[in-house]
Amino acid sequence: MSQPLSLNIALVGVGGQGTLVAGKLLGTVANLLGLDVKVSEVHGMSQRGGSVITYVRMAETVASPIIEPAQADFILSFEELEALRWAYLLKAGGALLVNNLQIPPATVSTGVAKYPQGIVSELDEKALGQSKVFSFDAQKLADEAGSYRATNVVMLGAMSRLTAIDPDIFAKAIDLVFPEKLRAVNHKAFQSGSDIIKYTCEF
């Protein structure tokens, strides 16, 4: 008998990037799979543009909504610096998916600090071959699908390719979460994310 699915997923970015909507989608996926799920969001700064993390935990039974260090199966980072900030949550054998977008924080914009360079290379080196790091232009794929706001769904599509979850489950979740007028663009965005892993990322 196969083990029930159990996933810890951290969605990280800055305010306004749609991590909570992505969390809602994953929560709906978990419900469709008949799993217990807990979704919680933490704002590093309350204003739009501040660091945000959404924790998603799904399993037969979930006790705590928080993902402890080195326990995340997946980290989906909607911005490069946030990938660096939260990488410690990733477990050995996990996967870190990074949207190669740079949004300078206030300290960089005001000249107090410099935006780190070579973030993805640094993350790859730190992974020591034990975890996978994938980097791609999710915002461009979202734009091509019809809306930059669908970047979060592109990221979920990419992650889906690395899971055993039937893509039809994600499709049903998209239909449940989004109003009819937004479904087509989000289905397209999801497929674009899935394809970018299938065709251009080695794993």
Protein backbone atom coordinates (compact mmCIF):
# COMPACT_ATOMS: atom_id res chain seq x y z
CA MET A 1 0.00 0.00 0.00
CA SER A 2 1.42 3.40 -1.00
CA GLN A 3 2.09 6.08 1.57
CA PRO A 4 -0.37 9.02 1.63
CA LEU A 5 0.97 12.16 -0.02
CA SER A 6 2.73 14.56 2.32
CA LEU A 7 4.13 17.91 1.16
CA ASN A 8 5.54 21.00 2.83
CA ILE A 9 5.65 23.96 0.45
CA ALA A 10 6.93 27.49 1.13
CA LEU A 11 5.76 30.25 -1.20
CA VAL A 12 8.01 33.28 -0.81
CA GLY A 13 8.07 36.69 -2.41
CA VAL A 14 7.12 40.29 -1.75
CA GLY A 15 3.74 41.81 -1.09
CA GLY A 16 1.47 41.86 -4.12
CA GLN A 17 3.01 38.87 -5.91
CA GLY A 18 0.15 36.50 -5.19
CA THR A 19 1.67 34.04 -2.72
CA LEU A 20 -1.62 33.84 -0.80
CA VAL A 21 -3.61 33.04 -3.96
CA ALA A 22 -1.05 30.35 -4.78
CA GLY A 23 -1.52 29.02 -1.26
CA LYS A 24 -5.28 28.97 -1.73
CA LEU A 25 -4.82 26.99 -4.94
CA LEU A 26 -2.62 24.45 -3.19
CA GLY A 27 -5.12 24.23 -0.36
CA THR A 28 -7.82 23.45 -2.90
CA VAL A 29 -5.57 20.80 -4.47
CA ALA A 30 -5.14 19.20 -1.05
CA ASN A 31 -8.90 19.21 -0.47
CA LEU A 32 -9.48 17.54 -3.84
CA LEU A 33 -6.95 14.88 -2.83
CA GLY A 34 -8.79 14.31 0.45
CA LEU A 35 -5.85 15.53 2.53
CA ASP A 36 -5.66 17.62 5.66
CA VAL A 37 -4.12 21.02 4.84
CA LYS A 38 -3.00 24.13 6.66
CA VAL A 39 -2.18 27.40 4.87
CA SER A 40 -0.73 30.37 6.73
CA GLU A 41 0.79 33.65 5.61
CA VAL A 42 3.39 35.74 7.42
CA HIS A 43 4.24 39.33 6.44
CA GLY A 44 7.73 40.54 7.19
CA MET A 45 6.50 44.07 6.50
CA SER A 46 2.86 45.08 6.36
CA GLN A 47 3.09 47.35 3.33
CA ARG A 48 2.96 46.19 -0.26
CA GLY A 49 6.45 45.22 -1.36
CA GLY A 50 7.57 43.75 1.96
CA SER A 51 8.79 40.19 2.38
CA VAL A 52 5.97 37.62 2.52
CA ILE A 53 5.94 33.87 3.07
CA THR A 54 2.98 31.53 2.74
CA TYR A 55 3.33 28.11 4.32
CA VAL A 56 1.36 25.20 2.87
CA ARG A 57 1.38 21.83 4.60
CA MET A 58 -0.69 18.93 3.30
CA ALA A 59 -0.78 15.36 4.58
CA GLU A 60 -3.16 12.78 6.03
CA THR A 61 -2.95 14.78 9.27
CA VAL A 62 -1.30 18.19 9.73
CA ALA A 63 -0.63 19.45 13.25
CA SER A 64 1.21 22.74 12.75
CA PRO A 65 0.90 25.31 9.92
CA ILE A 66 4.57 26.32 10.16
CA ILE A 67 7.40 24.68 8.21
CA GLU A 68 10.50 24.20 10.32
CA PRO A 69 14.06 24.68 8.95
CA ALA A 70 15.20 21.96 6.53
CA GLN A 71 11.66 20.55 6.25
CA ALA A 72 10.30 22.11 3.03
CA ASP A 73 9.89 19.77 0.06
CA PHE A 74 9.53 22.79 -2.21
CA ILE A 75 10.29 26.49 -2.02
CA LEU A 76 8.69 28.58 -4.74
CA SER A 77 10.40 31.95 -4.76
CA PHE A 78 8.71 34.68 -6.77
CA GLU A 79 11.78 36.94 -6.44
CA GLU A 80 15.52 36.12 -6.28
CA LEU A 81 16.47 37.74 -2.97
CA GLU A 82 13.57 36.02 -1.23
CA ALA A 83 14.98 32.67 -2.41
CA LEU A 84 18.21 33.49 -0.61
CA ARG A 85 16.35 34.69 2.48
CA TRP A 86 14.28 31.52 2.91
CA ALA A 87 16.55 28.80 1.46
CA TYR A 88 17.28 27.45 4.95
CA LEU A 89 13.78 25.95 4.98
CA LEU A 90 14.58 23.52 2.15
CA LYS A 91 15.27 19.92 3.08
CA ALA A 92 17.93 17.75 1.46
CA GLY A 93 16.40 16.29 -1.67
CA GLY A 94 13.94 19.17 -2.01
CA ALA A 95 13.59 21.62 -4.88
CA LEU A 96 13.92 25.40 -4.96
CA LEU A 97 12.17 27.10 -7.89
CA VAL A 98 13.20 30.69 -8.50
CA ASN A 99 11.55 33.34 -10.64
CA ASN A 100 14.59 35.29 -11.90
CA LEU A 101 13.02 38.63 -11.05
CA GLN A 102 14.80 41.19 -8.89
CA ILE A 103 12.74 43.65 -6.83
CA PRO A 104 15.11 45.91 -4.86
CA PRO A 105 14.10 46.25 -1.20
CA ALA A 106 13.94 49.69 0.42
CA THR A 107 17.54 49.47 1.67
CA VAL A 108 18.76 48.97 -1.90
CA SER A 109 16.49 51.65 -3.39
CA THR A 110 17.80 54.21 -0.89
CA GLY A 111 21.44 53.25 -1.49
CA VAL A 112 22.01 51.80 1.98
CA ALA A 113 22.74 48.35 0.59
CA LYS A 114 23.45 46.65 -2.73
CA TYR A 115 21.33 43.92 -4.27
CA PRO A 116 23.33 40.65 -4.08
CA GLN A 117 24.55 39.30 -7.39
CA GLY A 118 24.86 35.66 -8.45
CA ILE A 119 22.10 34.53 -6.11
CA VAL A 120 21.06 31.47 -8.11
CA SER A 121 24.69 30.31 -8.49
CA GLU A 122 25.20 30.74 -4.75
CA LEU A 123 22.08 28.75 -3.97
CA ASP A 124 23.15 26.02 -6.37
CA GLU A 125 26.56 25.80 -4.71
CA LYS A 126 25.05 25.63 -1.23
CA ALA A 127 22.74 22.81 -2.33
CA LEU A 128 25.85 20.62 -2.77
CA GLY A 129 24.00 18.46 -5.27
CA GLN A 130 21.62 17.31 -2.53
CA SER A 131 18.77 19.55 -3.65
CA LYS A 132 17.67 20.96 -6.99
CA VAL A 133 17.60 24.65 -7.92
CA PHE A 134 15.56 25.74 -10.94
CA SER A 135 15.61 29.31 -12.26
CA PHE A 136 13.42 30.70 -15.04
CA ASP A 137 11.54 33.84 -16.09
CA ALA A 138 8.10 33.11 -14.68
CA GLN A 139 6.88 36.67 -15.19
CA LYS A 140 7.67 36.51 -18.90
CA LEU A 141 5.76 33.25 -19.19
CA ALA A 142 2.83 34.81 -17.34
CA ASP A 143 2.87 37.82 -19.69
CA GLU A 144 2.87 35.47 -22.67
CA ALA A 145 -0.07 33.58 -21.18
CA GLY A 146 -2.03 36.83 -20.98
CA SER A 147 -1.44 38.37 -17.55
CA TYR A 148 1.62 39.17 -15.43
CA ARG A 149 -0.57 38.45 -12.40
CA ALA A 150 -0.48 34.77 -13.35
CA THR A 151 3.20 34.50 -12.36
CA ASN A 152 2.13 32.61 -9.23
CA VAL A 153 0.30 30.01 -11.33
CA VAL A 154 3.33 29.64 -13.63
CA MET A 155 5.35 28.79 -10.52
CA LEU A 156 2.79 26.20 -9.45
CA GLY A 157 2.83 24.67 -12.92
CA ALA A 158 6.60 24.31 -12.68
CA MET A 159 6.36 22.69 -9.27
CA SER A 160 3.62 20.32 -10.43
CA ARG A 161 6.03 18.72 -12.91
CA LEU A 162 8.16 17.63 -9.94
CA THR A 163 5.30 16.04 -7.98
CA ALA A 164 3.20 12.91 -8.36
CA ILE A 165 -0.03 14.93 -8.32
CA ASP A 166 -2.25 14.45 -11.40
CA PRO A 167 -2.28 17.71 -13.45
CA ASP A 168 -6.06 17.33 -13.72
CA ILE A 169 -6.28 18.00 -9.98
CA PHE A 170 -4.53 21.34 -10.46
CA ALA A 171 -6.84 22.11 -13.40
CA LYS A 172 -9.90 21.49 -11.23
CA ALA A 173 -8.43 23.68 -8.49
CA ILE A 174 -7.89 26.54 -10.96
CA ASP A 175 -11.53 26.29 -12.01
CA LEU A 176 -12.66 26.37 -8.38
CA VAL A 177 -10.46 29.28 -7.28
CA PHE A 178 -10.71 31.65 -10.23
CA PRO A 179 -13.81 33.23 -11.78
CA GLU A 180 -14.67 32.01 -15.27
CA LYS A 181 -13.16 35.02 -17.05
CA LEU A 182 -9.72 34.31 -15.52
CA ARG A 183 -9.61 30.54 -15.94
CA ALA A 184 -8.25 30.33 -19.50
CA VAL A 185 -5.23 32.56 -18.82
CA ASN A 186 -4.42 30.69 -15.63
CA HIS A 187 -4.67 27.29 -17.31
CA LYS A 188 -2.28 28.57 -19.97
CA ALA A 189 0.08 29.99 -17.32
CA PHE A 190 0.06 26.68 -15.44
CA GLN A 191 0.92 24.74 -18.59
CA SER A 192 3.73 27.17 -19.43
CA GLY A 193 5.28 26.57 -16.01
CA SER A 194 4.99 22.82 -16.42
CA ASP A 195 6.55 22.98 -19.87
CA ILE A 196 9.52 25.11 -18.77
CA ILE A 197 10.56 22.33 -16.40
CA LYS A 198 9.88 19.59 -18.94
CA TYR A 199 11.72 21.14 -21.86
CA THR A 200 14.41 23.47 -20.57
CA CYS A 201 15.45 22.44 -17.06
CA GLU A 202 17.63 19.41 -16.53
CA PHE A 203 16.78 17.16 -13.58
